[in-house]
Protein backbone atom coordinates (compact mmCIF):
# COMPACT_ATOMS: atom_id res chain seq x y z
CA LEU A 1 0.48 17.52 3.84
CA TYR A 2 -0.86 17.10 0.33
CA SER A 3 -3.40 14.54 1.53
CA LEU A 4 -4.50 16.92 4.27
CA THR A 5 -4.87 20.04 2.12
CA SER A 6 -6.46 18.32 -0.90
CA ARG A 7 -9.15 16.28 0.83
CA ASP A 8 -11.88 18.82 0.01
CA GLU A 9 -11.11 18.73 -3.71
CA VAL A 10 -13.39 15.71 -4.05
CA SER A 11 -17.04 15.20 -3.17
CA ALA A 12 -18.20 13.48 0.01
CA ARG A 13 -18.89 10.28 -1.92
CA TYR A 14 -15.19 9.75 -2.70
CA ARG A 15 -13.67 11.51 0.31
CA PRO A 16 -12.99 8.25 2.20
CA SER A 17 -10.14 7.74 -0.28
CA SER A 18 -8.58 11.00 0.93
CA TYR A 19 -9.06 10.10 4.58
CA ALA A 20 -7.44 6.70 3.98
CA ALA A 21 -4.53 8.39 2.21
CA LEU A 22 -4.14 10.85 5.09
CA CYS A 23 -4.02 8.08 7.72
CA LEU A 24 -1.71 6.03 5.54
CA ALA A 25 0.71 8.93 5.10
CA ALA A 26 0.77 9.65 8.83
CA VAL A 27 1.57 6.02 9.71
CA ALA A 28 4.25 5.80 7.02
CA THR A 29 5.85 9.03 8.24
CA VAL A 30 6.16 7.71 11.79
CA ALA A 31 7.43 4.33 10.57
CA TYR A 32 10.15 5.83 8.40
CA ALA A 33 11.23 8.19 11.17
CA LEU A 34 11.67 5.14 13.42
CA LEU A 35 13.50 3.25 10.64
CA PHE A 36 15.88 6.17 10.19
CA LEU A 37 16.64 6.27 13.91
CA ASP A 38 17.17 2.49 14.01
CA TRP A 39 19.62 2.60 11.14
CA ASP A 40 21.36 5.74 12.35
CA THR A 41 22.12 4.20 15.76
CA GLY A 42 22.19 0.55 14.72
CA PHE A 43 25.85 0.14 13.76
CA ARG A 44 29.13 0.17 15.61
CA LEU A 45 32.57 0.67 14.08
CA GLU A 46 34.90 -2.30 14.60
CA ASP A 47 38.34 -2.32 12.93
CA GLY A 48 37.18 0.09 10.25
CA VAL A 49 34.02 -1.90 9.47
CA TYR A 50 30.47 -0.93 10.46
CA VAL A 51 28.85 -3.92 12.16
CA PRO A 52 25.05 -4.00 12.61
CA THR A 53 23.75 -4.27 16.15
CA GLU A 54 20.54 -6.05 17.13
CA GLU A 55 18.75 -2.69 16.79
CA ALA A 56 19.56 -2.59 13.09
CA ARG A 57 18.63 -6.24 12.61
CA THR A 58 15.11 -5.73 14.00
CA THR A 59 14.13 -2.90 11.65
CA GLU A 60 11.99 -5.37 9.68
CA SER A 61 9.55 -5.47 12.59
CA THR A 62 8.95 -1.73 12.16
CA ARG A 63 8.17 -2.29 8.50
CA TYR A 64 5.68 -5.07 9.24
CA ILE A 65 3.90 -2.95 11.85
CA ASP A 66 3.65 -0.18 9.24
CA TRP A 67 2.32 -2.57 6.58
CA SER A 68 -0.25 -4.15 8.92
CA VAL A 69 -1.97 -0.74 8.99
CA THR A 70 -1.12 0.80 5.62
CA VAL A 71 -1.82 -2.17 3.32
CA PRO A 72 -5.46 -2.51 4.50
CA LEU A 73 -5.77 1.27 4.07
CA LEU A 74 -4.53 0.96 0.48
CA THR A 75 -7.45 -1.37 -0.26
CA VAL A 76 -9.85 1.14 1.31
CA GLU A 77 -8.34 3.92 -0.81
CA LEU A 78 -8.87 1.97 -4.04
CA LEU A 79 -12.37 0.71 -3.27
CA ALA A 80 -13.49 4.21 -2.24
CA VAL A 81 -13.30 5.37 -5.89
CA CYS A 82 -14.93 2.23 -7.32
CA SER A 83 -18.64 2.05 -8.10
CA ILE A 84 -19.60 -0.73 -5.69
CA THR A 85 -21.96 0.58 -3.01
CA GLY A 86 -24.14 -0.51 -0.13
CA ALA A 87 -23.84 -3.89 1.56
CA ALA A 88 -21.69 -5.28 -1.25
CA ALA A 89 -19.15 -2.49 -0.73
CA ARG A 90 -19.09 -3.04 3.03
CA ARG A 91 -18.54 -6.78 2.62
CA LEU A 92 -15.81 -6.31 0.06
CA ARG A 93 -14.07 -3.64 2.12
CA SER A 94 -14.14 -5.83 5.23
CA SER A 95 -12.89 -8.94 3.44
CA THR A 96 -10.05 -7.18 1.60
CA MET A 97 -8.91 -5.35 4.73
CA ALA A 98 -8.90 -8.64 6.66
CA ALA A 99 -7.03 -10.42 3.85
CA ALA A 100 -4.46 -7.61 3.66
CA PHE A 101 -3.90 -7.70 7.43
CA LEU A 102 -3.60 -11.49 7.55
CA MET A 103 -1.25 -11.44 4.56
CA ILE A 104 1.11 -9.18 6.51
CA VAL A 105 0.79 -11.01 9.84
CA THR A 106 1.45 -14.46 8.37
CA GLY A 107 4.41 -13.11 6.42
CA TYR A 108 5.73 -11.56 9.62
CA LEU A 109 5.55 -14.91 11.41
CA GLY A 110 7.76 -16.53 8.79
CA ALA A 111 10.16 -13.65 8.26
CA GLN A 112 10.70 -12.44 11.83
CA VAL A 113 9.01 -14.38 14.63
CA LEU A 114 9.97 -18.03 14.02
CA ASP A 115 13.73 -18.39 14.57
CA GLN A 116 14.10 -14.70 13.55
CA GLY A 117 13.51 -15.62 9.91
CA ARG A 118 16.44 -18.06 9.75
CA ASP A 119 14.24 -21.16 9.46
CA ARG A 120 13.76 -21.67 5.73
CA SER A 121 10.97 -24.20 6.23
CA ALA A 122 9.01 -21.68 8.29
CA LEU A 123 9.71 -19.02 5.67
CA VAL A 124 8.28 -21.22 2.93
CA VAL A 125 5.23 -22.47 4.88
CA TRP A 126 4.16 -19.07 6.19
CA GLY A 127 5.07 -17.48 2.88
CA LEU A 128 2.63 -19.81 1.12
CA ILE A 129 -0.09 -19.06 3.67
CA SER A 130 0.53 -15.34 3.16
CA THR A 131 0.37 -15.89 -0.62
CA ALA A 132 -3.14 -17.35 -0.30
CA PHE A 133 -4.36 -14.05 1.16
CA PHE A 134 -2.27 -12.22 -1.45
CA VAL A 135 -4.05 -14.05 -4.30
CA TYR A 136 -7.50 -13.39 -2.82
CA LEU A 137 -6.62 -9.70 -2.54
CA TYR A 138 -5.63 -9.55 -6.20
CA VAL A 139 -8.78 -11.33 -7.37
CA ALA A 140 -11.11 -9.21 -5.21
CA LEU A 141 -9.58 -5.85 -6.14
CA ILE A 142 -9.31 -6.61 -9.84
CA GLY A 143 -12.94 -7.77 -9.83
CA ALA A 144 -14.09 -4.56 -8.14
CA VAL A 145 -12.20 -2.39 -10.60
CA ARG A 146 -13.45 -4.32 -13.64
CA ARG A 147 -17.07 -3.88 -12.48
CA SER A 148 -16.47 -0.16 -11.96
CA LEU A 149 -14.75 0.77 -15.22
CA PRO A 150 -17.90 0.74 -17.43
CA THR A 151 -19.68 3.13 -15.02
CA MET A 152 -17.25 6.04 -15.38
CA GLY A 153 -15.88 8.31 -18.07
CA ALA A 154 -12.94 7.34 -20.26
CA GLU A 155 -10.36 9.52 -18.51
CA ALA A 156 -11.35 8.36 -15.02
CA ALA A 157 -11.40 4.74 -16.20
CA VAL A 158 -7.87 4.98 -17.59
CA SER A 159 -6.62 6.59 -14.38
CA LEU A 160 -8.32 3.92 -12.23
CA ARG A 161 -6.83 1.15 -14.35
CA ASN A 162 -3.37 2.75 -14.08
CA ALA A 163 -3.74 3.15 -10.30
CA THR A 164 -4.67 -0.53 -9.99
CA ILE A 165 -1.68 -1.60 -12.09
CA VAL A 166 0.66 0.55 -9.97
CA LEU A 167 -0.73 -0.83 -6.71
CA LEU A 168 -0.74 -4.51 -7.67
CA SER A 169 2.67 -4.26 -9.35
CA SER A 170 4.18 -2.73 -6.21
CA PHE A 171 2.50 -5.45 -4.11
CA GLY A 172 4.33 -8.00 -6.24
CA ILE A 173 7.73 -6.70 -5.16
CA TYR A 174 7.24 -7.65 -1.51
CA PRO A 175 6.95 -11.45 -1.92
CA LEU A 176 9.96 -11.43 -4.22
CA VAL A 177 12.05 -9.72 -1.54
CA TYR A 178 10.53 -11.97 1.14
CA ALA A 179 11.76 -15.00 -0.82
CA VAL A 180 15.41 -13.86 -0.96
CA PRO A 181 16.43 -15.67 2.29
CA VAL A 182 14.84 -18.86 0.94
CA PHE A 183 17.18 -19.00 -2.05
CA ALA A 184 20.27 -17.06 -0.91
CA ASP A 185 22.32 -16.31 2.16
CA VAL A 186 21.48 -12.78 3.26
CA THR A 187 24.84 -11.04 3.00
CA PRO A 188 25.15 -7.32 3.84
CA ALA A 189 24.81 -6.56 0.11
CA TRP A 190 21.63 -8.64 -0.13
CA PHE A 191 20.23 -7.06 3.01
CA THR A 192 20.87 -3.56 1.65
CA ALA A 193 19.24 -4.49 -1.66
CA MET A 194 16.19 -5.79 0.24
CA GLN A 195 15.85 -2.52 2.18
CA VAL A 196 16.13 -0.46 -1.01
CA ALA A 197 13.52 -2.65 -2.74
CA TYR A 198 11.11 -2.39 0.19
CA SER A 199 11.51 1.40 0.34
CA ALA A 200 11.04 1.80 -3.43
CA ALA A 201 7.90 -0.36 -3.34
CA ASP A 202 6.57 1.69 -0.41
CA ILE A 203 7.04 4.94 -2.33
CA VAL A 204 5.30 3.58 -5.43
CA ALA A 205 2.41 2.07 -3.47
CA LYS A 206 1.84 4.93 -1.05
CA VAL A 207 2.74 8.01 -3.08
CA GLY A 208 2.38 7.13 -6.77
CA PHE A 209 -0.80 5.14 -6.25
CA GLY A 210 -2.21 7.82 -3.94
CA VAL A 211 -1.77 10.57 -6.53
CA LEU A 212 -3.52 8.47 -9.19
CA VAL A 213 -6.45 7.60 -6.90
CA HIS A 214 -6.87 11.26 -5.99
CA LYS A 215 -7.05 12.08 -9.71
CA VAL A 216 -9.77 9.43 -10.14
CA ALA A 217 -11.72 10.90 -7.23
CA LYS A 218 -11.55 14.40 -8.75
CA LEU A 219 -12.59 13.19 -12.19
CA ARG A 220 -15.51 11.21 -10.77
CA THR A 221 -16.57 14.26 -8.74
CA ALA A 222 -16.64 16.31 -11.94
CA GLU A 223 -18.61 13.58 -13.74
CA ASP A 224 -21.21 13.41 -10.97
CA VAL A 225 -21.68 17.19 -10.95
CA ALA A 226 -21.98 17.30 -14.75
CA ALA A 227 -24.58 14.52 -14.62
CA GLY A 228 -26.58 16.41 -12.00
CA ILE A 229 -26.37 13.65 -9.36
CA ASP A 230 -24.09 15.59 -6.98
CA THR A 231 -22.93 19.09 -6.19
CA HIS A 232 -19.51 20.47 -5.33
CA PRO A 233 -18.78 24.00 -4.09
CA ASP A 234 -15.47 24.53 -5.90
CA PRO A 235 -14.09 24.08 -9.42
CA VAL A 236 -12.45 20.70 -10.02
CA TRP A 237 -9.04 20.75 -11.70
CA SER A 238 -7.25 17.76 -13.18
CA GLY A 239 -3.74 18.83 -14.14
CA ASN A 240 -4.27 22.22 -15.78
CA VAL A 241 -7.76 21.39 -17.05
CA HIS A 242 -10.83 22.87 -15.39
CA LYS A 243 -13.62 20.30 -15.15
């Protein structure tokens, strides 16, 4: 709802970040509704103990479907407030979206498709392939942000740097959780910890990062208007400060 109602707070130049956030929030909402239903109906009571059914065991597939859409959108959201334009921006956007999608798909093959994630060799091999896309994504996004920082005001630059740190830090949680079955038997306690970690990372990446990127978009809108290179029909507020 916030993404929907706040999209006009930024100029047309940075509005793709708001549209990406809106799509991302819609997909995440549907995914978590499905996850809730899977968990709510995915256990049966046997001798005083709740035993997971196959429905509960396949909830990871719902997460991977979510990520295959939302992670590429996160790269769009970040690049939309960077200063790279034209053909270079289109190439970078296409390559990072493709890398993000392939990172998720290859991880899904190892974690869910091949022997339902019980084959540790498949986990390691496909995890390493996924990591290659993961590394490219880090390098490409950090490079885009570093080229953009000198072109914006100090406050916007700090917010963009913070948004990048939040996004890439939250990305780092996923491979750590992915690696748990490689090094440990996934007991109910481990499985619960993995679900909590995935959900926490999702909130940080999709909500915390989104708020910071929206702040960058508003600050850059104000900078462009002040510099006379753009117009905006409404006042721009960052926190309680009128720009």
